[in-house]
Amino acid sequence: MKLTLHTFLSVDGVMQGPGGPDEDRSGGFERGGWLVPYSDEGMGEIVSDWFTHAEAILLGRTTYTMMQTFWTQVTDPDNPVAAALNNLPKYVATSTPLEPAWNNSTALSDNAIEQIRELKDKPGGELQVHGSCGLAQSLHQAGLIDEYRLLTFPVAVGTGKRLFTDGAPASGFTVVDSRITRTGTTYVALQPKPFHVGDIEVEDGKEKEIR
């Protein structure tokens, strides 16, 4: 399966608590809900399209619990996000025992990264990660993400959990899709490639790029 990561980011890289004040207050975070003023129909179309490609969902424990509480209340059959989350197979990466309460869920509590490698080796479509900061960081570290799908909103949160942290592996990317919504939110889909550097020198009075 193709492992794809989907997340919302501020321009300063924060992904914590985008949807509401109480979504994730860990670490004393008090700026939740920063996404909401910039939500528009273009964002909704992008997110809905994500879920049409999902064959299974992979979540960290905190995100799983938050999503379960919210999305099990959404019973509208015409909501593609709710339909996918409530019915597709869900895998939960957790370091402590968990008795999954959401329909069609399985806990990955014993060496989750290796179990995720095994899931990727199975035939199928997309294994989608949504949010799940700690899990996303671990998957990036392990080089298991095949495509990063990032919605970046025109707001700087200043503090909070970030996807790309100091010490994370360097990576280049190939842009495979990009858009901008009415409120200025930018969407980019990236596939990783090797990290390279270059230099700029002056030759015969002219700038010259060395790649």
Protein backbone atom coordinates (compact mmCIF):
# COMPACT_ATOMS: atom_id res chain seq x y z
CA MET A 1 0.00 0.00 0.00
CA LYS A 2 1.02 3.59 -0.57
CA LEU A 3 1.46 5.41 2.75
CA THR A 4 0.27 9.02 2.49
CA LEU A 5 0.42 11.70 5.19
CA HIS A 6 -2.28 14.38 5.37
CA THR A 7 -2.00 17.29 7.75
CA PHE A 8 -2.82 20.93 8.39
CA LEU A 9 0.06 23.32 9.09
CA SER A 10 0.52 26.96 10.05
CA VAL A 11 3.14 28.93 8.13
CA ASP A 12 5.51 28.41 11.06
CA GLY A 13 5.02 24.66 10.85
CA VAL A 14 2.63 24.02 13.77
CA MET A 15 0.18 21.15 13.34
CA GLN A 16 -1.21 20.98 16.89
CA GLY A 17 -4.90 21.61 17.58
CA PRO A 18 -5.96 23.14 14.26
CA GLY A 19 -9.68 22.41 14.60
CA GLY A 20 -10.65 23.63 18.06
CA PRO A 21 -9.52 24.91 21.47
CA ASP A 22 -9.85 21.52 23.15
CA GLU A 23 -8.56 19.35 20.32
CA ASP A 24 -5.07 18.96 21.83
CA ARG A 25 -4.08 20.95 24.91
CA SER A 26 -1.03 18.80 25.67
CA GLY A 27 2.04 20.77 26.74
CA GLY A 28 -0.18 23.64 27.84
CA PHE A 29 -1.18 24.50 24.23
CA GLU A 30 -3.84 27.23 24.28
CA ARG A 31 -4.07 28.31 20.65
CA GLY A 32 -6.23 25.52 19.24
CA GLY A 33 -8.70 26.35 16.49
CA TRP A 34 -6.28 28.45 14.41
CA LEU A 35 -7.43 26.79 11.16
CA VAL A 36 -11.12 27.64 11.46
CA PRO A 37 -11.01 31.32 10.34
CA TYR A 38 -9.35 30.23 7.08
CA SER A 39 -11.57 27.24 6.24
CA ASP A 40 -13.34 27.56 2.89
CA GLU A 41 -14.95 25.48 0.18
CA GLY A 42 -11.63 24.93 -1.58
CA MET A 43 -10.14 23.35 1.52
CA GLY A 44 -13.24 21.18 1.87
CA GLU A 45 -12.91 19.93 -1.70
CA ILE A 46 -9.26 19.03 -1.20
CA VAL A 47 -9.90 17.14 2.05
CA SER A 48 -12.93 15.31 0.65
CA ASP A 49 -10.87 14.21 -2.35
CA TRP A 50 -8.20 12.78 -0.02
CA PHE A 51 -10.67 10.34 1.46
CA THR A 52 -11.92 9.05 -1.90
CA HIS A 53 -8.48 7.41 -2.31
CA ALA A 54 -8.27 5.85 1.15
CA GLU A 55 -8.29 2.09 1.61
CA ALA A 56 -7.27 2.14 5.28
CA ILE A 57 -6.58 4.77 7.94
CA LEU A 58 -3.55 4.90 10.24
CA LEU A 59 -3.66 7.13 13.33
CA GLY A 60 -1.77 7.88 16.51
CA ARG A 61 -3.63 7.20 19.72
CA THR A 62 -4.43 10.84 20.61
CA THR A 63 -5.77 11.61 17.14
CA TYR A 64 -7.70 8.33 17.07
CA THR A 65 -9.47 9.16 20.33
CA MET A 66 -10.27 12.71 19.23
CA MET A 67 -11.53 11.64 15.81
CA GLN A 68 -13.61 8.80 17.23
CA THR A 69 -15.42 11.16 19.58
CA PHE A 70 -16.24 13.61 16.80
CA TRP A 71 -16.78 11.53 13.68
CA THR A 72 -18.96 8.82 15.18
CA GLN A 73 -21.52 11.59 15.72
CA VAL A 74 -21.58 12.44 11.99
CA THR A 75 -24.10 10.09 10.40
CA ASP A 76 -24.73 12.05 7.17
CA PRO A 77 -24.32 9.42 4.39
CA ASP A 78 -23.31 12.18 1.95
CA ASN A 79 -20.29 13.22 4.05
CA PRO A 80 -17.31 11.47 2.38
CA VAL A 81 -14.97 12.07 5.32
CA ALA A 82 -17.36 10.57 7.87
CA ALA A 83 -18.17 7.65 5.58
CA ALA A 84 -14.49 6.80 5.17
CA LEU A 85 -13.50 7.23 8.80
CA ASN A 86 -16.47 5.36 10.21
CA ASN A 87 -16.29 2.40 7.85
CA LEU A 88 -12.75 1.83 6.55
CA PRO A 89 -10.22 -0.31 8.44
CA LYS A 90 -8.39 1.79 11.03
CA TYR A 91 -5.02 1.05 12.62
CA VAL A 92 -3.92 2.76 15.83
CA ALA A 93 -0.24 3.11 16.70
CA THR A 94 -0.06 3.16 20.50
CA SER A 95 2.65 2.54 23.08
CA THR A 96 0.16 1.46 25.74
CA PRO A 97 -2.64 -1.14 25.62
CA LEU A 98 -5.79 0.02 23.85
CA GLU A 99 -9.12 -1.71 23.41
CA PRO A 100 -10.31 -0.02 20.18
CA ALA A 101 -13.91 1.17 20.45
CA TRP A 102 -14.37 2.52 16.91
CA ASN A 103 -15.78 0.27 14.21
CA ASN A 104 -13.21 -1.80 12.27
CA SER A 105 -10.19 -0.74 14.36
CA THR A 106 -6.98 -2.60 15.22
CA ALA A 107 -4.33 -1.52 17.75
CA LEU A 108 -0.64 -1.69 16.76
CA SER A 109 1.02 -1.70 20.15
CA ASP A 110 4.00 -4.02 19.71
CA ASN A 111 6.71 -2.46 17.52
CA ALA A 112 4.23 -0.38 15.53
CA ILE A 113 6.77 0.76 12.92
CA GLU A 114 7.52 -2.82 11.89
CA GLN A 115 3.81 -3.61 11.75
CA ILE A 116 3.31 -0.56 9.52
CA ARG A 117 6.10 -1.81 7.22
CA GLU A 118 4.17 -5.07 6.94
CA LEU A 119 0.93 -3.23 6.16
CA LYS A 120 2.70 -1.32 3.38
CA ASP A 121 3.85 -4.59 1.86
CA LYS A 122 0.27 -5.77 1.45
CA PRO A 123 -1.56 -5.18 -1.84
CA GLY A 124 -4.03 -2.33 -1.84
CA GLY A 125 -4.53 1.40 -2.31
CA GLU A 126 -3.65 4.13 0.14
CA LEU A 127 -2.90 3.71 3.82
CA GLN A 128 -3.63 7.26 4.99
CA VAL A 129 -2.25 9.01 8.06
CA HIS A 130 -4.23 12.05 9.21
CA GLY A 131 -2.73 14.45 11.75
CA SER A 132 -1.10 12.23 14.39
CA CYS A 133 1.99 14.36 15.04
CA GLY A 134 4.12 11.87 16.98
CA LEU A 135 3.36 9.06 14.55
CA ALA A 136 4.01 11.32 11.55
CA GLN A 137 7.40 12.31 12.96
CA SER A 138 8.31 8.64 13.50
CA LEU A 139 7.23 7.68 9.98
CA HIS A 140 9.26 10.55 8.50
CA GLN A 141 12.26 9.45 10.56
CA ALA A 142 11.85 5.88 9.28
CA GLY A 143 11.45 6.95 5.65
CA LEU A 144 8.07 5.24 5.31
CA ILE A 145 6.00 8.12 3.89
CA ASP A 146 5.43 7.87 0.14
CA GLU A 147 3.60 11.17 -0.23
CA TYR A 148 3.12 14.23 2.01
CA ARG A 149 -0.15 16.15 1.47
CA LEU A 150 0.06 19.45 3.31
CA LEU A 151 -2.47 22.26 3.69
CA THR A 152 -0.69 25.37 4.99
CA PHE A 153 -2.82 28.19 6.39
CA PRO A 154 -1.85 31.90 6.42
CA VAL A 155 -1.34 32.13 10.19
CA ALA A 156 1.68 31.88 12.51
CA VAL A 157 0.77 30.09 15.74
CA GLY A 158 4.12 30.66 17.44
CA THR A 159 4.24 27.51 19.54
CA GLY A 160 3.08 23.91 19.35
CA LYS A 161 3.92 20.53 17.88
CA ARG A 162 5.60 20.53 14.49
CA LEU A 163 5.86 17.92 11.76
CA PHE A 164 9.49 18.62 10.85
CA THR A 165 11.63 18.93 13.97
CA ASP A 166 15.30 19.64 14.63
CA GLY A 167 17.23 16.46 13.96
CA ALA A 168 14.71 15.05 11.48
CA PRO A 169 16.17 13.55 8.30
CA ALA A 170 16.81 15.98 5.44
CA SER A 171 14.83 15.32 2.27
CA GLY A 172 14.22 16.78 -1.13
CA PHE A 173 10.73 16.64 -2.63
CA THR A 174 9.02 16.46 -5.99
CA VAL A 175 5.83 18.53 -6.18
CA VAL A 176 3.04 16.41 -7.71
CA ASP A 177 0.10 18.72 -6.99
CA SER A 178 -0.39 22.28 -5.75
CA ARG A 179 -3.33 24.67 -5.34
CA ILE A 180 -4.37 27.78 -3.44
CA THR A 181 -7.80 28.37 -1.91
CA ARG A 182 -9.86 31.56 -1.71
CA THR A 183 -8.57 32.38 1.79
CA GLY A 184 -4.94 31.97 0.76
CA THR A 185 -4.43 28.46 2.11
CA THR A 186 -1.86 26.61 0.01
CA TYR A 187 -2.02 22.91 -0.78
CA VAL A 188 0.97 20.92 -1.90
CA ALA A 189 1.48 17.20 -2.44
CA LEU A 190 5.11 16.11 -2.21
CA GLN A 191 6.93 12.89 -2.96
CA PRO A 192 10.31 12.48 -1.25
CA LYS A 193 13.55 12.32 -3.19
CA PRO A 194 17.22 12.47 -2.14
CA PHE A 195 18.45 15.67 -0.49
CA HIS A 196 21.01 17.61 -2.54
CA VAL A 197 22.80 20.93 -2.13
CA GLY A 198 24.45 23.32 -4.56
CA ASP A 199 26.36 26.58 -4.59
CA ILE A 200 26.40 29.95 -6.35
CA GLU A 201 29.68 31.38 -7.59
CA VAL A 202 30.72 34.38 -9.66
CA GLU A 203 32.37 33.62 -13.00
CA ASP A 204 33.32 36.33 -15.49
CA GLY A 205 31.25 38.81 -13.48
CA LYS A 206 28.10 36.70 -13.65
CA GLU A 207 26.34 34.50 -11.13
CA LYS A 208 26.65 30.80 -11.84
CA GLU A 209 24.71 28.05 -10.12
CA ILE A 210 26.54 24.83 -9.34
CA ARG A 211 24.20 21.91 -8.78
